Amino acid sequence: QVQLAESGGGLVQAGGSLRLSCAASGSIFGFNVMGWYRQAPGKQREWVADITTGNIATYLGSVKGRFTISRDNAKNTVYLQMNSLNPEDTAVYYCRLRITRNDYWGQGTQVTVSS
C-alpha cells in the first residue's frame, strides 16, 4: 500500500514564496514519476509539474520559471518550490505518484495567495 503525505501549504501575499513537500511511503521500487496537480474553486484539477526518478522535470507553462520541482529518491519525497506567487495560484495542491501504471494521490494542501 502506497501513501502520500503533503505539507507546506498556507497563506502568502502576492509575490511571496512557499515550499510544498510530499513524502511517499510503502512499496516503491524502480522507475516512477512524482508530480503536483492543483484544483482551484470551481475549476478542474490541472497538472502543474512532474519529475522522474532520473530528475527529468516538466512544467505547466504558466508556472515555468516561477516553480521548481525536485525530489529526494532516498526519501521518496518530492518538493515544489513556488516563487513569485500570484492570486491565480490559489488552489488545493495534490501530490501524485505514478508507478507501474498506478496512480496514488495525497490528500491535498491548501495554498492561498492574497492580493
N, C-alpha and C. Protein backbone atom coordinates (compact mmCIF):
# COMPACT_ATOMS: atom_id res chain seq x y z
N GLN A 1 0.84 -1.18 0.00
CA GLN A 1 0.00 0.00 0.00
C GLN A 1 0.89 1.25 0.00
N VAL A 2 0.63 2.13 -0.95
CA VAL A 2 1.39 3.37 -1.05
C VAL A 2 0.57 4.50 -0.46
N GLN A 3 1.21 5.33 0.33
CA GLN A 3 0.55 6.51 0.89
C GLN A 3 1.41 7.74 0.65
N LEU A 4 0.72 8.86 0.43
CA LEU A 4 1.40 10.13 0.20
C LEU A 4 0.95 11.12 1.25
N ALA A 5 1.89 11.89 1.76
CA ALA A 5 1.56 12.89 2.78
C ALA A 5 2.18 14.22 2.38
N GLU A 6 1.31 15.21 2.13
CA GLU A 6 1.77 16.54 1.72
C GLU A 6 1.87 17.46 2.93
N SER A 7 2.69 18.48 2.78
CA SER A 7 2.80 19.52 3.79
C SER A 7 3.34 20.78 3.14
N GLY A 8 3.19 21.90 3.84
CA GLY A 8 3.80 23.13 3.38
C GLY A 8 2.87 24.18 2.82
N GLY A 9 1.59 23.89 2.70
CA GLY A 9 0.67 24.89 2.20
C GLY A 9 0.45 26.00 3.22
N GLY A 10 -0.30 27.02 2.79
CA GLY A 10 -0.58 28.12 3.71
C GLY A 10 -1.04 29.36 2.98
N LEU A 11 -1.04 30.46 3.69
CA LEU A 11 -1.47 31.76 3.17
C LEU A 11 -0.23 32.63 2.96
N VAL A 12 -0.14 33.22 1.79
CA VAL A 12 1.00 34.08 1.48
C VAL A 12 0.52 35.25 0.63
N GLN A 13 1.22 36.35 0.73
CA GLN A 13 0.88 37.52 -0.08
C GLN A 13 1.43 37.35 -1.50
N ALA A 14 0.81 38.04 -2.42
CA ALA A 14 1.28 38.01 -3.81
C ALA A 14 2.75 38.41 -3.86
N GLY A 15 3.50 37.68 -4.66
CA GLY A 15 4.93 37.89 -4.75
C GLY A 15 5.75 37.04 -3.80
N GLY A 16 5.07 36.38 -2.88
CA GLY A 16 5.75 35.57 -1.89
C GLY A 16 6.07 34.17 -2.39
N SER A 17 6.59 33.36 -1.46
CA SER A 17 7.04 32.01 -1.80
C SER A 17 6.51 31.00 -0.79
N LEU A 18 6.34 29.79 -1.27
CA LEU A 18 6.01 28.64 -0.42
C LEU A 18 6.74 27.43 -0.96
N ARG A 19 6.99 26.47 -0.07
CA ARG A 19 7.60 25.21 -0.48
C ARG A 19 6.71 24.06 -0.01
N LEU A 20 6.25 23.28 -0.96
CA LEU A 20 5.44 22.10 -0.65
C LEU A 20 6.32 20.86 -0.63
N SER A 21 5.95 19.93 0.24
CA SER A 21 6.65 18.65 0.32
C SER A 21 5.63 17.52 0.25
N CYS A 22 6.05 16.40 -0.29
CA CYS A 22 5.20 15.23 -0.35
C CYS A 22 6.07 14.00 -0.15
N ALA A 23 5.80 13.27 0.92
CA ALA A 23 6.57 12.07 1.24
C ALA A 23 5.74 10.84 0.92
N ALA A 24 6.31 9.94 0.15
CA ALA A 24 5.64 8.69 -0.21
C ALA A 24 6.17 7.56 0.65
N SER A 25 5.28 6.68 1.07
CA SER A 25 5.68 5.52 1.85
C SER A 25 5.01 4.27 1.29
N GLY A 26 5.61 3.12 1.56
CA GLY A 26 5.06 1.87 1.06
C GLY A 26 5.99 1.21 0.07
N SER A 27 5.43 0.37 -0.77
CA SER A 27 6.23 -0.41 -1.73
C SER A 27 6.51 0.42 -2.97
N ILE A 28 7.65 1.07 -2.96
CA ILE A 28 8.04 1.94 -4.06
C ILE A 28 9.40 1.50 -4.57
N PHE A 29 9.41 0.88 -5.76
CA PHE A 29 10.65 0.39 -6.33
C PHE A 29 10.72 0.76 -7.79
N GLY A 30 11.93 1.06 -8.26
CA GLY A 30 12.14 1.29 -9.68
C GLY A 30 11.67 2.65 -10.16
N PHE A 31 11.54 2.71 -11.49
CA PHE A 31 11.18 3.97 -12.13
C PHE A 31 9.79 4.44 -11.69
N ASN A 32 9.67 5.72 -11.41
CA ASN A 32 8.36 6.30 -11.12
C ASN A 32 8.40 7.78 -11.42
N VAL A 33 7.24 8.37 -11.45
CA VAL A 33 7.10 9.81 -11.70
C VAL A 33 6.32 10.40 -10.54
N MET A 34 6.86 11.42 -9.95
CA MET A 34 6.15 12.16 -8.90
C MET A 34 5.82 13.54 -9.43
N GLY A 35 4.68 14.05 -9.00
CA GLY A 35 4.30 15.34 -9.53
C GLY A 35 3.26 16.05 -8.68
N TRP A 36 2.89 17.22 -9.15
CA TRP A 36 1.92 18.06 -8.46
C TRP A 36 0.80 18.46 -9.42
N TYR A 37 -0.39 18.45 -8.88
CA TYR A 37 -1.57 18.96 -9.55
C TYR A 37 -2.20 20.00 -8.62
N ARG A 38 -3.12 20.79 -9.18
CA ARG A 38 -3.84 21.73 -8.34
C ARG A 38 -5.27 21.87 -8.83
N GLN A 39 -6.13 22.25 -7.89
CA GLN A 39 -7.54 22.46 -8.22
C GLN A 39 -8.02 23.71 -7.53
N ALA A 40 -8.37 24.70 -8.34
CA ALA A 40 -8.92 25.94 -7.83
C ALA A 40 -10.43 25.80 -7.69
N PRO A 41 -11.05 26.62 -6.86
CA PRO A 41 -12.51 26.55 -6.67
C PRO A 41 -13.25 26.69 -7.99
N GLY A 42 -14.15 25.77 -8.26
CA GLY A 42 -14.95 25.84 -9.46
C GLY A 42 -14.24 25.42 -10.73
N LYS A 43 -13.02 24.93 -10.61
CA LYS A 43 -12.25 24.54 -11.79
C LYS A 43 -11.83 23.08 -11.70
N GLN A 44 -11.46 22.54 -12.85
CA GLN A 44 -10.98 21.16 -12.88
C GLN A 44 -9.55 21.10 -12.37
N ARG A 45 -9.19 19.92 -11.88
CA ARG A 45 -7.83 19.72 -11.43
C ARG A 45 -6.89 19.81 -12.63
N GLU A 46 -5.78 20.52 -12.47
CA GLU A 46 -4.83 20.66 -13.57
C GLU A 46 -3.43 20.24 -13.12
N TRP A 47 -2.70 19.70 -14.07
CA TRP A 47 -1.32 19.29 -13.83
C TRP A 47 -0.44 20.52 -13.69
N VAL A 48 0.53 20.46 -12.79
CA VAL A 48 1.43 21.58 -12.56
C VAL A 48 2.86 21.22 -12.97
N ALA A 49 3.37 20.09 -12.49
CA ALA A 49 4.75 19.71 -12.77
C ALA A 49 4.95 18.24 -12.45
N ASP A 50 5.93 17.63 -13.13
CA ASP A 50 6.32 16.24 -12.93
C ASP A 50 7.82 16.14 -12.84
N ILE A 51 8.29 15.10 -12.17
CA ILE A 51 9.71 14.81 -12.17
C ILE A 51 9.90 13.30 -12.08
N THR A 52 10.80 12.79 -12.91
CA THR A 52 11.05 11.34 -12.92
C THR A 52 12.12 10.98 -11.91
N THR A 53 12.31 9.68 -11.71
CA THR A 53 13.38 9.22 -10.84
C THR A 53 14.74 9.66 -11.36
N GLY A 54 14.82 9.91 -12.67
CA GLY A 54 16.06 10.40 -13.26
C GLY A 54 16.17 11.92 -13.25
N ASN A 55 15.26 12.57 -12.52
CA ASN A 55 15.28 14.03 -12.35
C ASN A 55 15.00 14.80 -13.63
N ILE A 56 14.22 14.24 -14.52
CA ILE A 56 13.74 14.98 -15.68
C ILE A 56 12.43 15.65 -15.27
N ALA A 57 12.41 16.97 -15.33
CA ALA A 57 11.26 17.75 -14.86
C ALA A 57 10.54 18.41 -16.02
N THR A 58 9.23 18.50 -15.90
CA THR A 58 8.42 19.22 -16.88
C THR A 58 7.42 20.08 -16.11
N TYR A 59 7.00 21.20 -16.74
CA TYR A 59 6.17 22.18 -16.06
C TYR A 59 5.01 22.66 -16.93
N LEU A 60 3.93 23.03 -16.26
CA LEU A 60 2.86 23.79 -16.88
C LEU A 60 3.44 25.14 -17.30
N GLY A 61 3.02 25.61 -18.45
CA GLY A 61 3.61 26.84 -18.98
C GLY A 61 3.51 28.04 -18.05
N SER A 62 2.37 28.17 -17.36
CA SER A 62 2.15 29.35 -16.54
C SER A 62 2.97 29.37 -15.25
N VAL A 63 3.59 28.25 -14.90
CA VAL A 63 4.41 28.21 -13.68
C VAL A 63 5.90 28.10 -14.00
N LYS A 64 6.23 27.85 -15.25
CA LYS A 64 7.63 27.70 -15.62
C LYS A 64 8.39 28.97 -15.33
N GLY A 65 9.54 28.82 -14.68
CA GLY A 65 10.33 29.98 -14.30
C GLY A 65 10.00 30.51 -12.92
N ARG A 66 8.84 30.10 -12.37
CA ARG A 66 8.45 30.52 -11.02
C ARG A 66 8.48 29.34 -10.05
N PHE A 67 8.10 28.17 -10.52
CA PHE A 67 8.05 26.97 -9.68
C PHE A 67 9.22 26.06 -10.04
N THR A 68 9.73 25.36 -9.04
CA THR A 68 10.78 24.38 -9.26
C THR A 68 10.42 23.09 -8.54
N ILE A 69 10.37 22.00 -9.29
CA ILE A 69 10.10 20.69 -8.70
C ILE A 69 11.42 19.97 -8.51
N SER A 70 11.54 19.27 -7.41
CA SER A 70 12.75 18.49 -7.15
C SER A 70 12.35 17.26 -6.33
N ARG A 71 13.29 16.33 -6.19
CA ARG A 71 12.97 15.13 -5.42
C ARG A 71 14.20 14.57 -4.76
N ASP A 72 13.95 13.82 -3.70
CA ASP A 72 14.99 13.09 -2.99
C ASP A 72 14.60 11.63 -3.08
N ASN A 73 15.26 10.88 -3.95
CA ASN A 73 14.87 9.50 -4.18
C ASN A 73 15.09 8.62 -2.94
N ALA A 74 16.09 8.94 -2.16
CA ALA A 74 16.36 8.15 -0.96
C ALA A 74 15.22 8.27 0.05
N LYS A 75 14.54 9.41 0.02
CA LYS A 75 13.44 9.65 0.96
C LYS A 75 12.07 9.51 0.30
N ASN A 76 12.05 9.19 -1.00
CA ASN A 76 10.79 9.13 -1.76
C ASN A 76 9.96 10.38 -1.51
N THR A 77 10.61 11.51 -1.61
CA THR A 77 9.96 12.79 -1.33
C THR A 77 10.13 13.72 -2.53
N VAL A 78 9.06 14.42 -2.85
CA VAL A 78 9.08 15.41 -3.91
C VAL A 78 8.75 16.77 -3.31
N TYR A 79 9.36 17.80 -3.87
CA TYR A 79 9.19 19.17 -3.39
C TYR A 79 8.70 20.06 -4.53
N LEU A 80 8.01 21.11 -4.16
CA LEU A 80 7.63 22.13 -5.13
C LEU A 80 7.92 23.49 -4.50
N GLN A 81 8.98 24.12 -4.99
CA GLN A 81 9.31 25.47 -4.56
C GLN A 81 8.54 26.44 -5.44
N MET A 82 7.71 27.26 -4.82
CA MET A 82 6.86 28.18 -5.56
C MET A 82 7.25 29.61 -5.22
N ASN A 83 7.73 30.32 -6.22
CA ASN A 83 8.14 31.73 -6.05
C ASN A 83 7.24 32.63 -6.88
N SER A 84 7.29 33.91 -6.58
CA SER A 84 6.50 34.91 -7.31
C SER A 84 5.05 34.48 -7.43
N LEU A 85 4.49 34.06 -6.32
CA LEU A 85 3.11 33.58 -6.33
C LEU A 85 2.14 34.72 -6.61
N ASN A 86 1.07 34.39 -7.30
CA ASN A 86 0.02 35.36 -7.56
C ASN A 86 -1.34 34.74 -7.22
N PRO A 87 -2.37 35.56 -7.09
CA PRO A 87 -3.67 35.02 -6.66
C PRO A 87 -4.20 33.89 -7.54
N GLU A 88 -3.80 33.86 -8.80
CA GLU A 88 -4.25 32.79 -9.70
C GLU A 88 -3.64 31.43 -9.33
N ASP A 89 -2.66 31.43 -8.47
CA ASP A 89 -2.06 30.18 -7.99
C ASP A 89 -2.83 29.59 -6.82
N THR A 90 -3.82 30.30 -6.32
CA THR A 90 -4.61 29.80 -5.21
C THR A 90 -5.35 28.53 -5.60
N ALA A 91 -5.16 27.47 -4.82
CA ALA A 91 -5.76 26.18 -5.13
C ALA A 91 -5.40 25.18 -4.04
N VAL A 92 -6.05 24.04 -4.11
CA VAL A 92 -5.58 22.89 -3.33
C VAL A 92 -4.56 22.16 -4.21
N TYR A 93 -3.39 21.93 -3.66
CA TYR A 93 -2.32 21.27 -4.40
C TYR A 93 -2.23 19.81 -3.96
N TYR A 94 -2.22 18.94 -4.96
CA TYR A 94 -2.19 17.50 -4.72
C TYR A 94 -0.90 16.90 -5.26
N CYS A 95 -0.35 16.00 -4.50
CA CYS A 95 0.81 15.25 -4.93
C CYS A 95 0.34 13.95 -5.59
N ARG A 96 1.02 13.56 -6.67
CA ARG A 96 0.69 12.30 -7.33
C ARG A 96 1.95 11.49 -7.57
N LEU A 97 1.84 10.20 -7.33
CA LEU A 97 2.91 9.25 -7.65
C LEU A 97 2.38 8.28 -8.69
N ARG A 98 3.09 8.18 -9.79
CA ARG A 98 2.72 7.20 -10.83
C ARG A 98 3.81 6.14 -10.86
N ILE A 99 3.41 4.89 -10.64
CA ILE A 99 4.38 3.79 -10.63
C ILE A 99 3.69 2.56 -11.17
N THR A 100 4.32 1.91 -12.11
CA THR A 100 3.77 0.72 -12.77
C THR A 100 2.30 0.91 -13.16
N ARG A 101 2.04 2.01 -13.83
CA ARG A 101 0.72 2.35 -14.38
C ARG A 101 -0.34 2.59 -13.31
N ASN A 102 0.06 2.68 -12.06
CA ASN A 102 -0.88 3.00 -10.99
C ASN A 102 -0.62 4.41 -10.48
N ASP A 103 -1.70 5.12 -10.18
CA ASP A 103 -1.60 6.47 -9.64
C ASP A 103 -2.01 6.47 -8.17
N TYR A 104 -1.22 7.18 -7.39
CA TYR A 104 -1.53 7.37 -5.98
C TYR A 104 -1.56 8.87 -5.71
N TRP A 105 -2.50 9.28 -4.86
CA TRP A 105 -2.70 10.70 -4.60
C TRP A 105 -2.61 11.01 -3.12
N GLY A 106 -2.12 12.21 -2.84
CA GLY A 106 -2.16 12.72 -1.49
C GLY A 106 -3.50 13.36 -1.20
N GLN A 107 -3.66 13.82 0.02
CA GLN A 107 -4.95 14.37 0.45
C GLN A 107 -5.11 15.83 0.05
N GLY A 108 -4.03 16.47 -0.36
CA GLY A 108 -4.10 17.86 -0.78
C GLY A 108 -3.70 18.83 0.32
N THR A 109 -3.14 19.94 -0.10
CA THR A 109 -2.77 21.01 0.83
C THR A 109 -3.18 22.35 0.22
N GLN A 110 -3.78 23.19 1.02
CA GLN A 110 -4.33 24.46 0.52
C GLN A 110 -3.23 25.50 0.40
N VAL A 111 -3.20 26.15 -0.74
CA VAL A 111 -2.33 27.31 -0.96
C VAL A 111 -3.23 28.49 -1.30
N THR A 112 -3.12 29.55 -0.53
CA THR A 112 -3.92 30.74 -0.75
C THR A 112 -2.99 31.93 -0.90
N VAL A 113 -3.14 32.65 -2.02
CA VAL A 113 -2.31 33.81 -2.30
C VAL A 113 -3.21 35.04 -2.28
N SER A 114 -2.92 35.95 -1.39
CA SER A 114 -3.73 37.17 -1.27
C SER A 114 -3.12 38.29 -2.10
N SER A 115 -3.98 39.14 -2.61
CA SER A 115 -3.52 40.25 -3.47
C SER A 115 -3.18 41.47 -2.64
